[in-house]
N, C-alpha and C. Protein backbone atom coordinates (compact mmCIF):
# COMPACT_ATOMS: atom_id res chain seq x y z
N UNK A 1 0.70 -1.47 0.13
CA UNK A 1 0.01 0.08 0.06
C UNK A 1 0.78 1.35 -0.05
N UNK A 2 0.54 1.90 -1.09
CA UNK A 2 1.47 3.36 -0.67
C UNK A 2 0.92 4.28 -0.02
N UNK A 3 1.34 4.98 0.97
CA UNK A 3 1.03 5.74 1.74
C UNK A 3 1.69 7.24 1.50
N UNK A 4 0.57 8.58 1.65
CA UNK A 4 1.12 9.70 1.44
C UNK A 4 0.71 10.68 2.96
N UNK A 5 0.98 11.44 2.45
CA UNK A 5 0.93 12.89 3.39
C UNK A 5 0.11 13.83 2.88
N UNK A 6 -1.10 14.46 3.17
CA UNK A 6 -1.70 15.70 2.42
C UNK A 6 -1.91 16.55 3.79
N UNK A 7 -1.47 17.66 3.62
CA UNK A 7 -1.62 19.29 4.37
C UNK A 7 -2.31 20.06 3.60
N UNK A 8 -3.33 20.18 4.46
CA UNK A 8 -4.30 21.29 3.90
C UNK A 8 -4.53 22.50 4.95
N UNK A 9 -4.14 23.60 4.15
CA UNK A 9 -4.24 24.63 5.73
C UNK A 9 -3.28 24.31 6.96
N UNK A 10 -2.51 23.74 6.93
CA UNK A 10 -1.80 23.83 8.12
C UNK A 10 -2.07 22.14 8.63
N UNK A 11 -3.35 21.45 8.05
CA UNK A 11 -3.79 20.47 9.19
C UNK A 11 -3.10 19.41 8.70
N UNK A 12 -2.18 18.12 8.99
CA UNK A 12 -1.84 17.31 8.53
C UNK A 12 -3.05 15.63 8.17
N UNK A 13 -2.77 15.12 7.13
CA UNK A 13 -3.74 14.18 7.33
C UNK A 13 -2.78 12.49 6.31
N UNK A 14 -2.75 11.74 7.15
CA UNK A 14 -2.82 10.61 6.15
C UNK A 14 -3.27 10.22 5.48
N UNK A 15 -2.84 9.85 4.23
CA UNK A 15 -3.51 9.29 3.12
C UNK A 15 -2.93 7.96 2.22
N UNK A 16 -3.45 7.26 1.39
CA UNK A 16 -3.33 6.17 0.97
C UNK A 16 -4.11 6.50 -0.77
N UNK A 17 -2.94 5.99 -1.80
CA UNK A 17 -3.43 5.73 -2.66
C UNK A 17 -4.41 4.83 -3.32
N UNK A 18 -5.49 4.84 -4.07
CA UNK A 18 -6.47 4.06 -4.51
C UNK A 18 -5.65 2.98 -5.92
N UNK A 19 -4.31 2.53 -5.59
CA UNK A 19 -4.09 1.58 -6.68
C UNK A 19 -4.36 0.63 -7.28
N UNK A 20 -4.93 -0.02 -6.53
CA UNK A 20 -5.74 -1.29 -7.31
C UNK A 20 -7.47 -0.78 -8.11
N UNK A 21 -7.75 0.26 -7.72
CA UNK A 21 -8.95 1.23 -8.46
C UNK A 21 -8.78 2.11 -9.44
N UNK A 22 -7.36 2.65 -9.54
CA UNK A 22 -7.20 3.55 -10.07
C UNK A 22 -6.17 3.89 -10.59
N UNK A 23 -5.39 2.50 -11.10
CA UNK A 23 -4.19 2.77 -11.05
C UNK A 23 -3.37 3.65 -12.41
N UNK A 24 -3.94 4.35 -13.11
CA UNK A 24 -3.63 5.10 -14.16
C UNK A 24 -3.45 6.66 -13.68
N UNK A 25 -4.66 6.82 -12.88
CA UNK A 25 -4.78 8.25 -12.22
C UNK A 25 -3.41 8.22 -11.07
N UNK A 26 -3.57 7.53 -10.07
CA UNK A 26 -2.46 6.95 -9.28
C UNK A 26 -1.43 7.68 -10.23
N UNK A 27 -0.70 6.96 -11.20
CA UNK A 27 0.71 6.68 -11.82
C UNK A 27 0.55 8.41 -12.62
N UNK A 28 -0.05 9.01 -13.30
CA UNK A 28 0.00 10.22 -13.63
C UNK A 28 -0.39 11.25 -12.42
N UNK A 29 -0.82 10.89 -11.11
CA UNK A 29 -0.77 11.88 -10.32
C UNK A 29 0.77 12.24 -9.19
N UNK A 30 1.16 10.67 -9.38
CA UNK A 30 2.51 10.56 -8.53
C UNK A 30 3.83 10.92 -9.64
N UNK A 31 3.40 11.11 -10.63
CA UNK A 31 4.64 11.72 -11.55
C UNK A 31 4.59 13.42 -11.15
N UNK A 32 3.69 13.60 -10.61
CA UNK A 32 3.68 15.38 -10.13
C UNK A 32 4.15 15.51 -8.65
N UNK A 33 4.36 14.44 -8.01
CA UNK A 33 4.72 14.57 -7.02
C UNK A 33 6.24 15.18 -6.70
N UNK A 34 6.65 16.11 -5.20
CA UNK A 34 5.61 16.48 -4.26
C UNK A 34 4.69 17.34 -5.13
N UNK A 35 3.44 17.59 -5.07
CA UNK A 35 2.26 18.46 -5.78
C UNK A 35 1.97 19.34 -4.84
N UNK A 36 2.19 20.55 -4.96
CA UNK A 36 1.82 22.02 -4.14
C UNK A 36 1.08 22.68 -4.78
N UNK A 37 -0.31 23.21 -4.51
CA UNK A 37 -1.44 24.22 -5.20
C UNK A 37 -2.04 24.74 -3.95
N UNK A 38 -3.20 25.20 -4.12
CA UNK A 38 -4.15 26.03 -3.20
C UNK A 38 -5.27 25.29 -3.70
N UNK A 39 -6.51 25.44 -2.59
CA UNK A 39 -7.53 24.63 -2.44
C UNK A 39 -8.65 26.22 -2.64
N UNK A 40 -9.70 25.70 -3.09
CA UNK A 40 -10.87 26.82 -2.64
C UNK A 40 -12.10 25.97 -2.70
N UNK A 41 -13.13 26.76 -2.09
CA UNK A 41 -14.29 26.04 -1.81
C UNK A 41 -14.62 25.68 -3.23
N UNK A 42 -15.71 24.85 -3.29
CA UNK A 42 -16.30 24.40 -4.44
C UNK A 42 -17.61 25.20 -4.83
N UNK A 43 -18.03 25.66 -5.82
CA UNK A 43 -19.47 26.44 -6.24
C UNK A 43 -20.89 25.70 -6.34
N UNK A 44 -20.64 24.30 -6.62
CA UNK A 44 -22.17 23.72 -7.21
C UNK A 44 -22.01 22.10 -6.43
N UNK A 45 -20.94 21.78 -5.84
CA UNK A 45 -21.21 20.23 -5.47
C UNK A 45 -21.30 20.05 -4.61
N UNK A 46 -21.39 21.24 -3.35
CA UNK A 46 -21.71 21.05 -1.83
C UNK A 46 -20.63 21.08 -0.99
N UNK A 47 -20.54 20.27 0.14
CA UNK A 47 -19.17 20.36 1.07
C UNK A 47 -18.31 20.02 0.92
N UNK A 48 -16.88 20.38 -0.56
CA UNK A 48 -16.07 20.27 -0.62
C UNK A 48 -14.74 21.52 -1.06
N UNK A 49 -13.92 20.94 -1.29
CA UNK A 49 -12.95 21.88 -2.01
C UNK A 49 -12.38 21.66 -2.90
N UNK A 50 -11.54 22.34 -4.28
CA UNK A 50 -11.11 21.79 -4.92
C UNK A 50 -9.73 22.76 -5.49
N UNK A 51 -9.06 22.26 -6.49
CA UNK A 51 -7.96 22.62 -7.51
C UNK A 51 -8.55 22.71 -8.58
N UNK A 52 -8.72 23.90 -8.88
CA UNK A 52 -9.02 24.15 -10.39
C UNK A 52 -7.65 24.14 -11.09
N UNK A 53 -8.02 23.39 -12.55
CA UNK A 53 -6.51 22.97 -13.03
C UNK A 53 -6.82 23.37 -14.39
N UNK A 54 -7.71 23.87 -14.77
CA UNK A 54 -7.65 24.54 -16.47
C UNK A 54 -8.05 23.53 -17.57
N UNK A 55 -6.93 23.82 -18.20
CA UNK A 55 -6.61 22.70 -19.23
C UNK A 55 -5.82 21.69 -19.38
N UNK A 56 -4.99 21.56 -17.66
CA UNK A 56 -4.27 20.19 -17.45
C UNK A 56 -4.50 19.20 -17.79
N UNK A 57 -3.34 18.65 -18.61
CA UNK A 57 -4.04 16.98 -18.70
C UNK A 57 -3.28 16.01 -18.22
N UNK A 58 -4.32 15.51 -17.66
CA UNK A 58 -2.94 14.07 -16.83
C UNK A 58 -3.13 12.71 -17.57
N UNK A 59 -3.87 12.98 -18.82
CA UNK A 59 -3.63 12.01 -19.83
C UNK A 59 -4.20 10.60 -19.54
N UNK A 60 -5.76 10.87 -18.60
CA UNK A 60 -6.06 9.70 -18.11
C UNK A 60 -7.36 9.70 -18.52
N UNK A 61 -8.40 8.41 -18.67
CA UNK A 61 -9.86 8.50 -18.61
C UNK A 61 -10.62 8.15 -17.43
N UNK A 62 -12.01 7.86 -17.56
CA UNK A 62 -12.43 7.60 -16.09
C UNK A 62 -12.13 6.32 -15.76
N UNK A 63 -11.53 6.26 -14.70
CA UNK A 63 -11.52 4.64 -13.84
C UNK A 63 -11.96 5.09 -12.49
N UNK A 64 -12.53 4.19 -11.66
CA UNK A 64 -13.60 4.30 -10.45
C UNK A 64 -13.33 5.86 -10.36
N UNK A 65 -14.70 5.88 -11.18
CA UNK A 65 -14.88 7.44 -11.11
C UNK A 65 -16.50 7.50 -10.10
N UNK A 66 -16.74 8.59 -9.63
CA UNK A 66 -17.66 8.85 -8.93
C UNK A 66 -18.47 10.29 -8.85
N UNK A 67 -19.71 10.51 -8.99
CA UNK A 67 -19.96 12.00 -8.47
C UNK A 67 -20.54 12.24 -6.97
N UNK A 68 -20.46 11.03 -6.25
CA UNK A 68 -20.46 11.10 -4.81
C UNK A 68 -20.07 10.87 -4.01
N UNK A 69 -18.35 11.40 -4.28
CA UNK A 69 -17.37 10.86 -3.22
C UNK A 69 -17.68 11.29 -1.51
N UNK A 70 -17.05 10.26 -0.76
CA UNK A 70 -17.62 10.34 0.42
C UNK A 70 -16.40 11.32 1.22
N UNK A 71 -16.52 11.92 2.52
CA UNK A 71 -15.25 12.38 3.15
C UNK A 71 -14.65 12.48 3.49
N UNK A 72 -13.32 12.62 2.67
CA UNK A 72 -11.92 12.28 2.80
C UNK A 72 -11.84 11.78 1.71
N UNK A 73 -12.76 11.30 0.76
CA UNK A 73 -11.99 10.63 -1.01
C UNK A 73 -11.99 12.18 -1.70
N UNK A 74 -10.52 12.00 -2.55
CA UNK A 74 -10.24 12.66 -3.38
C UNK A 74 -10.32 12.06 -5.15
N UNK A 75 -10.84 13.32 -5.52
CA UNK A 75 -10.92 12.68 -6.94
C UNK A 75 -10.70 13.85 -8.22
N UNK A 76 -10.18 13.06 -9.23
CA UNK A 76 -9.51 13.97 -10.06
C UNK A 76 -10.62 13.61 -11.97
N UNK A 77 -11.05 14.86 -11.31
CA UNK A 77 -11.57 15.11 -13.02
C UNK A 77 -10.73 14.91 -14.21
N UNK A 78 -10.85 14.16 -15.01
CA UNK A 78 -9.38 14.32 -16.45
C UNK A 78 -9.88 15.44 -17.26
N UNK A 79 -11.26 16.24 -16.98
CA UNK A 79 -11.33 16.84 -17.93
C UNK A 79 -12.56 16.76 -18.96
N UNK A 80 -13.30 17.11 -20.01
CA UNK A 80 -14.38 17.18 -21.07
C UNK A 80 -15.16 18.34 -21.27
N UNK A 81 -16.14 18.41 -20.50
CA UNK A 81 -17.21 18.80 -20.58
C UNK A 81 -16.59 20.22 -19.48
N UNK A 82 -16.50 20.17 -18.64
CA UNK A 82 -15.52 21.08 -17.46
C UNK A 82 -14.36 21.03 -17.59
N UNK A 83 -13.44 21.99 -17.26
CA UNK A 83 -12.21 22.01 -16.40
C UNK A 83 -11.70 20.89 -15.80
N UNK A 84 -10.46 20.27 -16.06
CA UNK A 84 -9.70 19.36 -15.26
C UNK A 84 -9.93 20.01 -13.88
N UNK A 85 -9.45 19.05 -12.73
CA UNK A 85 -9.80 19.67 -11.40
C UNK A 85 -9.66 18.07 -10.51
N UNK A 86 -9.31 18.88 -9.36
CA UNK A 86 -8.88 17.69 -8.27
C UNK A 86 -10.10 18.10 -7.31
N UNK A 87 -10.88 17.63 -6.47
CA UNK A 87 -11.95 17.82 -5.33
C UNK A 87 -11.89 16.77 -3.81
N UNK A 88 -11.84 17.44 -3.17
CA UNK A 88 -11.78 16.46 -1.91
C UNK A 88 -13.14 17.05 -1.23
N UNK A 89 -13.55 15.83 -1.26
CA UNK A 89 -15.02 15.94 0.04
C UNK A 89 -14.78 16.34 1.31
N UNK A 90 -15.23 17.07 1.89
CA UNK A 90 -15.11 17.37 3.43
C UNK A 90 -16.83 16.63 3.96
N UNK A 91 -17.59 17.00 3.17
CA UNK A 91 -19.03 16.34 3.49
C UNK A 91 -20.23 15.61 2.54
N UNK A 92 -20.76 16.02 2.44
CA UNK A 92 -21.65 15.90 1.61
C UNK A 92 -21.41 16.25 0.01
N UNK A 93 -21.15 15.55 -0.42
CA UNK A 93 -20.77 16.45 -1.89
C UNK A 93 -21.54 15.41 -3.55
N UNK A 94 -21.83 16.34 -4.20
CA UNK A 94 -22.82 15.97 -5.49
C UNK A 94 -21.59 16.59 -6.41
N UNK A 95 -21.21 15.90 -6.95
CA UNK A 95 -19.87 16.84 -8.11
C UNK A 95 -20.26 17.11 -9.30
N UNK A 96 -20.74 18.48 -9.45
CA UNK A 96 -21.17 19.20 -10.42
C UNK A 96 -20.57 20.50 -11.08
N UNK A 97 -20.58 21.41 -12.18
CA UNK A 97 -20.24 22.03 -12.71
C UNK A 97 -21.57 22.57 -13.21
N UNK A 98 -21.22 23.98 -13.75
CA UNK A 98 -22.22 24.56 -14.45
C UNK A 98 -22.97 24.18 -15.72
N UNK A 99 -22.43 23.01 -16.24
CA UNK A 99 -22.85 22.43 -17.31
C UNK A 99 -23.56 21.03 -16.85
N UNK A 100 -23.59 20.56 -15.39
CA UNK A 100 -24.08 19.56 -14.90
C UNK A 100 -23.22 18.85 -13.64
N UNK A 101 -23.82 17.20 -13.64
CA UNK A 101 -23.47 16.79 -13.13
C UNK A 101 -21.99 15.90 -14.01
N UNK A 102 -20.98 15.52 -13.03
CA UNK A 102 -19.93 15.26 -13.34
C UNK A 102 -19.62 14.39 -12.63
N UNK A 103 -18.37 13.35 -12.92
CA UNK A 103 -17.92 12.02 -12.25
C UNK A 103 -16.29 12.30 -12.28
N UNK A 104 -15.57 12.28 -11.27
CA UNK A 104 -14.01 12.06 -11.24
C UNK A 104 -13.74 10.81 -10.64
N UNK A 105 -12.27 10.59 -10.93
CA UNK A 105 -11.70 9.22 -10.60
C UNK A 105 -10.99 9.68 -9.05
N UNK A 106 -11.88 8.29 -8.25
CA UNK A 106 -11.70 8.20 -6.54
C UNK A 106 -10.20 7.72 -6.74
N UNK A 107 -8.90 8.37 -6.22
CA UNK A 107 -7.53 7.87 -6.18
C UNK A 107 -6.98 7.99 -5.16
N UNK A 108 -7.68 8.83 -3.81
CA UNK A 108 -6.94 9.19 -2.98
C UNK A 108 -7.84 9.28 -1.56
N UNK A 109 -7.65 8.59 -0.74
CA UNK A 109 -8.05 8.53 0.33
C UNK A 109 -7.56 8.85 1.36
N UNK A 110 -8.22 9.73 2.45
CA UNK A 110 -7.42 10.55 3.56
C UNK A 110 -7.82 9.19 4.90
N UNK A 111 -6.93 8.94 5.35
CA UNK A 111 -7.19 7.88 6.38
C UNK A 111 -6.76 8.44 7.74
N UNK A 112 -6.48 9.42 8.16
CA UNK A 112 -6.43 9.77 9.67
C UNK A 112 -6.88 11.17 9.68
N UNK A 113 -6.89 12.10 10.75
CA UNK A 113 -7.69 13.23 11.14
C UNK A 113 -8.94 13.34 10.70
N UNK A 114 -9.68 12.68 10.22
CA UNK A 114 -10.80 13.04 9.88
C UNK A 114 -11.86 13.61 10.09
N UNK A 115 -11.55 13.71 12.02
CA UNK A 115 -12.32 14.84 12.62
C UNK A 115 -12.26 16.10 12.41
N UNK A 116 -11.07 16.50 11.62
CA UNK A 116 -10.61 17.85 11.42
C UNK A 116 -11.17 18.36 9.91
N UNK A 117 -11.56 17.56 9.23
CA UNK A 117 -12.45 17.81 7.90
C UNK A 117 -13.42 18.94 7.99
N UNK A 118 -13.93 18.76 9.11
CA UNK A 118 -15.10 19.86 9.40
C UNK A 118 -14.73 21.21 9.43
N UNK A 119 -13.30 21.62 9.63
CA UNK A 119 -12.42 22.82 10.17
C UNK A 119 -12.12 23.50 8.88
N UNK A 120 -11.82 22.28 7.61
CA UNK A 120 -11.50 22.31 6.56
C UNK A 120 -12.43 23.18 5.50
N UNK A 121 -13.42 23.25 5.80
CA UNK A 121 -14.37 23.89 4.58
C UNK A 121 -14.74 24.93 5.10
N UNK A 122 -15.12 25.17 6.18
CA UNK A 122 -15.19 26.60 6.82
C UNK A 122 -13.97 27.25 6.66
N UNK A 123 -13.02 27.23 6.84
CA UNK A 123 -11.91 28.21 6.98
C UNK A 123 -11.97 28.40 5.43
N UNK A 124 -12.11 27.48 4.42
CA UNK A 124 -11.28 28.01 3.26
C UNK A 124 -13.03 28.54 2.80
N UNK A 125 -14.10 28.53 2.90
CA UNK A 125 -15.11 29.34 2.46
C UNK A 125 -14.88 30.91 2.97
N UNK A 126 -14.31 31.24 4.40
CA UNK A 126 -14.20 32.34 5.08
C UNK A 126 -13.21 33.34 4.74
N UNK A 127 -11.96 32.14 4.96
CA UNK A 127 -10.82 32.70 4.60
C UNK A 127 -10.36 32.72 3.36
N UNK A 128 -10.78 32.26 2.14
CA UNK A 128 -10.52 32.20 0.95
C UNK A 128 -9.75 30.95 0.79
N UNK A 129 -8.41 31.07 -0.42
CA UNK A 129 -7.77 29.87 -0.48
C UNK A 129 -6.75 29.48 0.51
N UNK A 130 -6.39 28.37 0.39
CA UNK A 130 -5.68 27.71 1.48
C UNK A 130 -4.50 26.77 0.53
N UNK A 131 -2.98 26.75 0.94
CA UNK A 131 -2.21 25.81 0.37
C UNK A 131 -2.56 24.48 0.63
N UNK A 132 -2.40 23.19 -0.36
CA UNK A 132 -2.66 22.01 0.00
C UNK A 132 -1.06 21.45 -0.80
N UNK A 133 -0.69 20.58 -0.07
CA UNK A 133 0.61 19.56 -0.14
C UNK A 133 0.51 18.12 -0.60
N UNK A 134 0.92 17.40 -1.36
CA UNK A 134 0.70 15.84 -1.62
C UNK A 134 2.31 15.76 -1.37
N UNK A 135 2.51 14.53 -0.30
CA UNK A 135 3.93 14.27 0.26
C UNK A 135 3.85 12.60 -0.22
N UNK A 136 4.96 11.76 -0.68
CA UNK A 136 5.10 10.63 -0.23
C UNK A 136 5.59 10.41 0.75
N UNK A 137 4.96 9.44 1.57
CA UNK A 137 5.80 9.18 3.13
C UNK A 137 6.61 7.73 3.02
């Protein structure tokens, strides 16, 4: 099992790649690591934060995709009818854009500090964009 650490707004989470269910997405993302960006609050999807990636190409198609990631699940939308993005659910999410319902590849799951997820969303909503860092352990 591959482990990683995800730090959002200064809060550290242990996490794991979903290699068995999303091997191509994991490989494409792993090639970018360590990965540092900023997350902002979602607009249409509910209780989630996202990294807007515009026209970024990860070279993957759908695998292990869902429109309803559970809290602590991270998905990659590979682009198509909306821009490429990475989304983390911290509560109830119905993944969508102004174009309608979307589905993203569930490729990372947070495995620790899940009780801290409820702090992430409101902080990002009210304080604005926050740093996110994905690192191998």
